[in-house]
N, C-alpha and C. Protein backbone atom coordinates (compact mmCIF):
# COMPACT_ATOMS: atom_id res chain seq x y z
N MET A 1 -5.90 24.69 -12.26
CA MET A 1 -6.11 24.13 -11.59
C MET A 1 -5.70 22.80 -11.18
N ARG A 2 -5.25 22.65 -9.68
CA ARG A 2 -4.38 21.17 -8.90
C ARG A 2 -5.35 20.76 -9.08
N SER A 3 -5.25 19.13 -9.36
CA SER A 3 -6.25 18.22 -8.20
C SER A 3 -5.75 17.83 -7.06
N LYS A 4 -6.55 16.97 -6.43
CA LYS A 4 -6.41 16.91 -4.87
C LYS A 4 -5.29 15.65 -4.88
N GLU A 5 -4.64 15.68 -3.90
CA GLU A 5 -4.10 14.37 -3.18
C GLU A 5 -4.57 12.94 -3.12
N LEU A 6 -3.54 11.90 -3.97
CA LEU A 6 -4.58 10.80 -3.13
C LEU A 6 -4.34 10.25 -1.71
N SER A 7 -5.37 9.62 -1.16
CA SER A 7 -5.57 8.90 0.09
C SER A 7 -4.22 8.01 0.10
N ILE A 8 -3.66 8.20 1.79
CA ILE A 8 -2.37 7.24 1.60
C ILE A 8 -2.67 5.76 1.66
N GLU A 9 -4.00 5.47 2.16
CA GLU A 9 -4.65 4.18 1.95
C GLU A 9 -4.40 3.72 0.40
N LEU A 10 -4.96 4.42 -0.42
CA LEU A 10 -4.83 4.10 -1.85
C LEU A 10 -3.49 4.21 -2.17
N ARG A 11 -2.53 4.77 -2.11
CA ARG A 11 -1.16 4.66 -2.54
C ARG A 11 -0.76 3.70 -2.02
N ASP A 12 -1.04 3.20 -0.49
CA ASP A 12 -0.10 1.91 -0.30
C ASP A 12 -0.74 0.73 -1.12
N ARG A 13 -2.38 0.92 -1.29
CA ARG A 13 -2.73 0.06 -2.22
C ARG A 13 -2.06 -0.29 -3.69
N ILE A 14 -1.52 0.92 -4.26
CA ILE A 14 -0.94 0.91 -5.44
C ILE A 14 0.59 0.05 -5.02
N VAL A 15 0.96 0.49 -4.09
CA VAL A 15 2.81 -0.26 -3.94
C VAL A 15 2.43 -1.71 -3.63
N SER A 16 1.32 -2.03 -2.89
CA SER A 16 1.13 -3.31 -2.44
C SER A 16 0.90 -4.63 -3.82
N ARG A 17 0.22 -3.86 -5.02
CA ARG A 17 -0.51 -4.40 -6.24
C ARG A 17 0.91 -4.30 -6.77
N HIS A 18 2.02 -3.23 -7.08
CA HIS A 18 3.37 -3.12 -7.72
C HIS A 18 4.04 -4.70 -7.26
N ARG A 19 4.25 -4.73 -6.08
CA ARG A 19 5.28 -5.46 -4.83
C ARG A 19 4.52 -6.64 -5.36
N SER A 20 2.97 -7.19 -6.17
CA SER A 20 2.79 -8.59 -6.50
C SER A 20 3.20 -8.73 -8.13
N GLY A 21 3.39 -7.65 -8.63
CA GLY A 21 3.64 -7.95 -9.84
C GLY A 21 2.93 -7.44 -11.01
N GLU A 22 1.91 -6.59 -10.80
CA GLU A 22 1.39 -5.94 -11.34
C GLU A 22 1.34 -4.69 -12.12
N GLY A 23 0.96 -4.66 -13.26
CA GLY A 23 1.37 -3.59 -14.17
C GLY A 23 0.97 -2.06 -14.05
N CYS A 24 1.38 -1.27 -14.06
CA CYS A 24 0.59 0.28 -14.31
C CYS A 24 -1.08 0.29 -15.15
N GLN A 25 -0.69 0.03 -16.10
CA GLN A 25 -2.02 -0.47 -17.05
C GLN A 25 -3.28 -0.72 -16.36
N LYS A 26 -2.83 -1.99 -15.55
CA LYS A 26 -3.78 -2.69 -15.16
C LYS A 26 -4.25 -2.23 -13.82
N MET A 27 -3.14 -1.30 -12.77
CA MET A 27 -3.59 -0.89 -11.66
C MET A 27 -4.64 0.23 -12.06
N SER A 28 -4.22 1.09 -12.89
CA SER A 28 -4.70 2.75 -13.00
C SER A 28 -6.50 2.06 -13.73
N THR A 29 -6.51 1.06 -14.23
CA THR A 29 -7.76 0.94 -14.73
C THR A 29 -8.71 0.00 -13.66
N ALA A 30 -7.76 -0.39 -12.63
CA ALA A 30 -8.78 -1.10 -11.66
C ALA A 30 -9.07 -0.05 -10.64
N LEU A 31 -8.31 0.90 -10.30
CA LEU A 31 -8.47 1.56 -9.25
C LEU A 31 -8.94 3.08 -9.51
N LYS A 32 -9.36 3.01 -11.05
CA LYS A 32 -9.76 4.33 -11.74
C LYS A 32 -8.40 5.50 -11.44
N VAL A 33 -7.74 5.37 -11.73
CA VAL A 33 -6.54 6.36 -11.06
C VAL A 33 -5.87 6.27 -12.71
N PRO A 34 -5.74 7.62 -12.63
CA PRO A 34 -4.76 7.91 -14.33
C PRO A 34 -3.26 7.04 -14.15
N LYS A 35 -2.75 6.48 -15.41
CA LYS A 35 -1.42 5.71 -15.44
C LYS A 35 -0.23 6.90 -15.09
N ASN A 36 -0.60 7.75 -15.57
CA ASN A 36 0.80 8.74 -14.94
C ASN A 36 1.20 8.71 -13.72
N THR A 37 -0.13 8.80 -12.48
CA THR A 37 -0.21 8.83 -11.27
C THR A 37 0.22 7.52 -10.65
N VAL A 38 -0.18 6.71 -11.48
CA VAL A 38 0.15 5.88 -10.44
C VAL A 38 1.69 5.40 -10.76
N ALA A 39 2.02 5.86 -12.02
CA ALA A 39 3.81 5.72 -12.05
C ALA A 39 4.56 7.05 -11.06
N SER A 40 3.81 7.77 -10.82
CA SER A 40 4.30 9.02 -9.92
C SER A 40 4.22 8.24 -8.44
N ILE A 41 3.13 7.69 -8.33
CA ILE A 41 3.72 7.24 -6.84
C ILE A 41 4.55 5.76 -6.38
N LEU A 42 4.81 5.31 -7.88
CA LEU A 42 5.95 4.25 -7.15
C LEU A 42 7.02 4.61 -7.32
N LYS A 43 7.15 6.14 -7.23
CA LYS A 43 8.21 6.55 -6.78
C LYS A 43 9.03 6.31 -5.44
N TRP A 44 8.28 5.99 -4.50
CA TRP A 44 8.37 5.37 -3.35
C TRP A 44 9.60 4.66 -3.32
N LYS A 45 10.26 4.11 -3.97
CA LYS A 45 11.02 3.02 -4.03
C LYS A 45 12.27 4.63 -3.96
N LYS A 46 12.21 5.64 -4.58
CA LYS A 46 13.39 6.58 -4.00
C LYS A 46 13.33 7.06 -2.51
N PHE A 47 12.18 7.36 -2.45
CA PHE A 47 11.88 8.29 -1.03
C PHE A 47 11.79 7.16 0.51
N GLY A 48 11.35 6.24 0.02
CA GLY A 48 10.78 4.85 0.73
C GLY A 48 9.86 4.94 2.05
N THR A 49 8.97 6.05 1.30
CA THR A 49 7.65 6.25 2.45
C THR A 49 6.46 6.74 0.83
N THR A 50 5.25 6.69 1.33
CA THR A 50 4.08 7.35 0.57
C THR A 50 3.81 8.38 0.66
N LYS A 51 3.96 8.68 1.82
CA LYS A 51 3.11 9.87 2.43
C LYS A 51 3.83 11.33 1.68
N THR A 52 3.30 12.32 2.01
CA THR A 52 3.30 13.55 1.17
C THR A 52 4.14 14.35 1.39
N LEU A 53 5.38 14.21 0.84
CA LEU A 53 6.70 15.04 1.21
C LEU A 53 6.49 16.58 1.03
N PRO A 54 7.35 17.25 1.60
CA PRO A 54 7.31 18.80 1.96
C PRO A 54 7.99 19.32 0.41
N ARG A 55 7.28 20.32 -0.20
CA ARG A 55 7.74 20.83 -1.28
C ARG A 55 8.35 22.11 -1.13
N ALA A 56 9.52 21.97 -2.59
CA ALA A 56 10.40 22.94 -2.33
C ALA A 56 9.84 24.58 -2.40
N GLY A 57 10.06 25.30 -1.90
CA GLY A 57 9.67 26.63 -2.33
C GLY A 57 9.76 27.70 -1.20
N ARG A 58 9.64 28.92 -1.22
CA ARG A 58 9.12 29.81 -0.16
C ARG A 58 7.74 29.73 0.11
N PRO A 59 7.51 29.47 1.66
CA PRO A 59 5.70 29.62 2.31
C PRO A 59 5.33 31.01 1.68
N ASP A 60 3.96 30.96 1.13
CA ASP A 60 3.49 32.40 1.02
C ASP A 60 3.46 32.95 2.31
N LYS A 61 3.91 34.46 2.35
CA LYS A 61 3.69 35.66 3.44
C LYS A 61 2.33 35.87 3.76
N LEU A 62 1.19 36.04 3.06
CA LEU A 62 -0.01 36.32 3.14
C LEU A 62 -0.94 34.92 2.97
N SER A 63 -1.90 35.09 3.93
CA SER A 63 -2.63 33.95 4.06
C SER A 63 -3.58 34.21 2.38
N ASN A 64 -4.63 33.45 2.24
CA ASN A 64 -5.64 33.62 1.19
C ASN A 64 -6.62 34.60 1.44
N ARG A 65 -7.04 34.69 2.93
CA ARG A 65 -8.17 35.55 3.04
C ARG A 65 -7.50 36.99 2.61
N ARG A 66 -6.15 37.35 3.36
CA ARG A 66 -5.37 38.92 3.34
C ARG A 66 -5.14 38.91 1.92
N ARG A 67 -5.07 37.95 0.68
CA ARG A 67 -4.65 38.10 -0.62
C ARG A 67 -5.84 38.73 -1.52
N LYS A 68 -7.21 38.76 -0.83
CA LYS A 68 -8.27 38.51 -1.81
C LYS A 68 -8.13 40.33 -1.68
N PRO A 69 -8.41 40.99 -2.99
CA PRO A 69 -8.53 42.91 -2.26
C PRO A 69 -10.05 43.11 -1.99
N TRP A 70 -9.90 43.92 -1.37
CA TRP A 70 -11.36 44.41 -0.12
C TRP A 70 -12.21 45.03 -0.83
N SER A 71 -13.39 44.79 -1.06
CA SER A 71 -14.08 45.66 -2.00
C SER A 71 -15.33 46.57 -1.02
N GLY A 72 -14.72 47.11 0.00
CA GLY A 72 -16.01 47.98 1.28
C GLY A 72 -16.09 49.40 0.27
N SER A 73 -16.96 49.81 0.66
CA SER A 73 -17.13 51.25 0.33
C SER A 73 -16.00 52.11 1.31
């Protein structure tokens, strides 16, 4: 199961702490976020934004409601 995405405010807070020179371990303990999550958010340098970017792959053709099997008589 996937976890929920972090809010943009929290991501911006992580970036601002990084700019001030704070390390990943200190940020993760202060903000109660896993260290790997902090490290992955610091990829903002590569993309220039902390917003959620579109993901690769074809969109689903069926919605979640249509995908569920029908259990009627």
